[in-house]
Amino acid sequence: MLQKRPAPEHHCPLCSGPNGCAPALSGSFATPCWCQAQKIDAGARERVPAAQRGRACICQRCGTAAPPKK
């Protein structure tokens, strides 16, 4: 089922800081957001805990940073 409104998740699931999700703040997917203009690192998406995938947005710093060193 397609969500009609963005989830009100305002914290990054990776660093717990504010995620800067404009649609979550406005309550509308029609609101432009930083993530629409930048490529989100695939590794960052993979590090999102399974329970938060598709619900919580990654912040710009985590979504565009180099992956952590192993």
N, C-alpha and C. Protein backbone atom coordinates (compact mmCIF):
# COMPACT_ATOMS: atom_id res chain seq x y z
N MET A 1 0.84 -1.18 0.00
CA MET A 1 0.00 0.00 0.00
C MET A 1 0.89 1.24 0.00
N LEU A 2 0.61 2.16 -0.88
CA LEU A 2 1.38 3.39 -0.99
C LEU A 2 0.97 4.37 0.10
N GLN A 3 1.98 4.91 0.76
CA GLN A 3 1.74 5.90 1.81
C GLN A 3 1.29 7.21 1.17
N LYS A 4 0.26 7.83 1.68
CA LYS A 4 -0.22 9.09 1.12
C LYS A 4 0.47 10.29 1.75
N ARG A 5 1.01 10.10 2.97
CA ARG A 5 1.70 11.18 3.67
C ARG A 5 3.04 10.65 4.16
N PRO A 6 4.06 11.49 4.19
CA PRO A 6 5.35 11.04 4.71
C PRO A 6 5.26 10.70 6.20
N ALA A 7 6.04 9.71 6.59
CA ALA A 7 6.10 9.35 8.01
C ALA A 7 6.73 10.51 8.78
N PRO A 8 6.26 10.79 9.97
CA PRO A 8 6.80 11.91 10.74
C PRO A 8 8.11 11.56 11.45
N GLU A 9 9.05 10.99 10.71
CA GLU A 9 10.37 10.64 11.26
C GLU A 9 11.31 11.81 10.97
N HIS A 10 11.82 12.44 12.01
CA HIS A 10 12.65 13.63 11.83
C HIS A 10 14.11 13.40 12.19
N HIS A 11 14.48 12.15 12.51
CA HIS A 11 15.86 11.87 12.90
C HIS A 11 16.47 10.83 11.96
N CYS A 12 17.74 11.01 11.66
CA CYS A 12 18.47 10.09 10.81
C CYS A 12 18.65 8.77 11.54
N PRO A 13 18.34 7.64 10.88
CA PRO A 13 18.49 6.35 11.54
C PRO A 13 19.95 5.93 11.71
N LEU A 14 20.87 6.65 11.09
CA LEU A 14 22.28 6.29 11.19
C LEU A 14 23.03 7.08 12.26
N CYS A 15 22.75 8.38 12.39
CA CYS A 15 23.48 9.20 13.36
C CYS A 15 22.58 9.77 14.45
N SER A 16 21.29 9.61 14.33
CA SER A 16 20.28 10.11 15.26
C SER A 16 20.13 11.62 15.25
N GLY A 17 20.83 12.31 14.35
CA GLY A 17 20.69 13.75 14.22
C GLY A 17 19.46 14.08 13.39
N PRO A 18 19.12 15.36 13.25
CA PRO A 18 17.98 15.75 12.42
C PRO A 18 18.24 15.34 10.96
N ASN A 19 17.24 14.79 10.31
CA ASN A 19 17.44 14.33 8.93
C ASN A 19 17.14 15.40 7.88
N GLY A 20 16.54 16.50 8.28
CA GLY A 20 16.26 17.58 7.32
C GLY A 20 15.25 17.19 6.26
N CYS A 21 14.38 16.25 6.56
CA CYS A 21 13.39 15.79 5.58
C CYS A 21 12.26 16.81 5.49
N ALA A 22 12.26 17.57 4.41
CA ALA A 22 11.24 18.61 4.22
C ALA A 22 9.83 18.02 4.08
N PRO A 23 9.64 16.90 3.34
CA PRO A 23 8.30 16.33 3.27
C PRO A 23 7.78 15.87 4.64
N ALA A 24 8.65 15.30 5.48
CA ALA A 24 8.21 14.87 6.81
C ALA A 24 7.79 16.07 7.64
N LEU A 25 8.50 17.18 7.49
CA LEU A 25 8.14 18.38 8.23
C LEU A 25 6.83 18.99 7.75
N SER A 26 6.63 18.98 6.43
CA SER A 26 5.42 19.61 5.88
C SER A 26 4.21 18.68 5.87
N GLY A 27 4.48 17.36 5.88
CA GLY A 27 3.39 16.39 5.79
C GLY A 27 2.94 16.12 4.37
N SER A 28 3.76 16.54 3.38
CA SER A 28 3.39 16.36 1.98
C SER A 28 4.58 15.93 1.13
N PHE A 29 4.39 14.88 0.32
CA PHE A 29 5.44 14.46 -0.60
C PHE A 29 5.68 15.48 -1.71
N ALA A 30 4.80 16.45 -1.87
CA ALA A 30 4.96 17.48 -2.89
C ALA A 30 6.03 18.51 -2.49
N THR A 31 6.46 18.52 -1.24
CA THR A 31 7.47 19.46 -0.77
C THR A 31 8.84 19.02 -1.25
N PRO A 32 9.58 19.89 -1.95
CA PRO A 32 10.92 19.53 -2.41
C PRO A 32 11.87 19.27 -1.23
N CYS A 33 12.82 18.36 -1.44
CA CYS A 33 13.77 18.01 -0.39
C CYS A 33 15.19 17.91 -0.98
N TRP A 34 16.19 18.06 -0.14
CA TRP A 34 17.59 17.99 -0.58
C TRP A 34 17.90 16.68 -1.28
N CYS A 35 17.25 15.58 -0.86
CA CYS A 35 17.58 14.26 -1.41
C CYS A 35 17.16 14.08 -2.86
N GLN A 36 16.29 14.96 -3.35
CA GLN A 36 15.86 14.86 -4.74
C GLN A 36 16.92 15.35 -5.71
N ALA A 37 17.87 16.13 -5.20
CA ALA A 37 18.90 16.70 -6.07
C ALA A 37 20.26 16.04 -5.89
N GLN A 38 20.38 15.10 -4.95
CA GLN A 38 21.67 14.46 -4.70
C GLN A 38 21.51 12.95 -4.68
N LYS A 39 22.57 12.28 -5.08
CA LYS A 39 22.58 10.82 -5.06
C LYS A 39 22.86 10.36 -3.63
N ILE A 40 22.03 9.46 -3.13
CA ILE A 40 22.20 8.90 -1.79
C ILE A 40 23.09 7.67 -1.92
N ASP A 41 24.12 7.60 -1.09
CA ASP A 41 25.05 6.48 -1.10
C ASP A 41 24.32 5.17 -0.83
N ALA A 42 24.52 4.18 -1.71
CA ALA A 42 23.84 2.89 -1.56
C ALA A 42 24.25 2.21 -0.26
N GLY A 43 25.50 2.35 0.14
CA GLY A 43 25.95 1.75 1.39
C GLY A 43 25.25 2.34 2.59
N ALA A 44 24.95 3.63 2.53
CA ALA A 44 24.23 4.29 3.63
C ALA A 44 22.82 3.72 3.72
N ARG A 45 22.17 3.54 2.59
CA ARG A 45 20.82 2.96 2.60
C ARG A 45 20.84 1.55 3.19
N GLU A 46 21.88 0.79 2.89
CA GLU A 46 21.98 -0.58 3.40
C GLU A 46 22.20 -0.62 4.91
N ARG A 47 22.79 0.43 5.47
CA ARG A 47 23.06 0.46 6.91
C ARG A 47 21.84 0.87 7.75
N VAL A 48 20.79 1.31 7.09
CA VAL A 48 19.56 1.67 7.83
C VAL A 48 18.97 0.40 8.43
N PRO A 49 18.70 0.38 9.74
CA PRO A 49 18.10 -0.81 10.35
C PRO A 49 16.81 -1.21 9.62
N ALA A 50 16.63 -2.51 9.47
CA ALA A 50 15.48 -3.03 8.71
C ALA A 50 14.15 -2.44 9.16
N ALA A 51 13.96 -2.26 10.45
CA ALA A 51 12.69 -1.74 10.97
C ALA A 51 12.43 -0.30 10.54
N GLN A 52 13.48 0.43 10.14
CA GLN A 52 13.32 1.84 9.76
C GLN A 52 13.39 2.07 8.26
N ARG A 53 13.69 1.04 7.48
CA ARG A 53 13.75 1.20 6.02
C ARG A 53 12.39 1.57 5.48
N GLY A 54 12.37 2.59 4.65
CA GLY A 54 11.12 3.07 4.08
C GLY A 54 10.32 3.95 5.01
N ARG A 55 10.84 4.20 6.22
CA ARG A 55 10.12 5.04 7.19
C ARG A 55 10.94 6.26 7.61
N ALA A 56 12.25 6.08 7.78
CA ALA A 56 13.10 7.17 8.27
C ALA A 56 14.10 7.58 7.20
N CYS A 57 14.21 8.87 6.97
CA CYS A 57 15.14 9.39 5.97
C CYS A 57 16.52 9.60 6.57
N ILE A 58 17.52 9.35 5.75
CA ILE A 58 18.91 9.57 6.13
C ILE A 58 19.21 11.06 5.99
N CYS A 59 20.02 11.60 6.89
CA CYS A 59 20.40 13.01 6.77
C CYS A 59 21.39 13.19 5.62
N GLN A 60 21.55 14.42 5.17
CA GLN A 60 22.43 14.71 4.04
C GLN A 60 23.87 14.30 4.33
N ARG A 61 24.33 14.53 5.54
CA ARG A 61 25.72 14.19 5.88
C ARG A 61 25.93 12.68 5.76
N CYS A 62 25.05 11.88 6.32
CA CYS A 62 25.20 10.42 6.26
C CYS A 62 24.93 9.88 4.85
N GLY A 63 24.01 10.49 4.15
CA GLY A 63 23.62 10.00 2.83
C GLY A 63 24.61 10.31 1.73
N THR A 64 25.49 11.27 1.95
CA THR A 64 26.43 11.65 0.91
C THR A 64 27.89 11.46 1.33
N ALA A 65 28.12 11.01 2.54
CA ALA A 65 29.49 10.81 3.04
C ALA A 65 30.08 9.51 2.52
N ALA A 66 31.38 9.44 2.54
CA ALA A 66 32.07 8.21 2.18
C ALA A 66 31.73 7.15 3.22
N PRO A 67 31.65 5.89 2.80
CA PRO A 67 31.34 4.83 3.77
C PRO A 67 32.41 4.77 4.86
N PRO A 68 32.02 4.34 6.07
CA PRO A 68 32.99 4.25 7.16
C PRO A 68 34.07 3.20 6.85
N LYS A 69 35.28 3.44 7.34
CA LYS A 69 36.39 2.50 7.14
C LYS A 69 36.13 1.25 7.96
N LYS A 70 36.52 0.10 7.42
CA LYS A 70 36.35 -1.17 8.14
C LYS A 70 37.59 -1.52 8.90
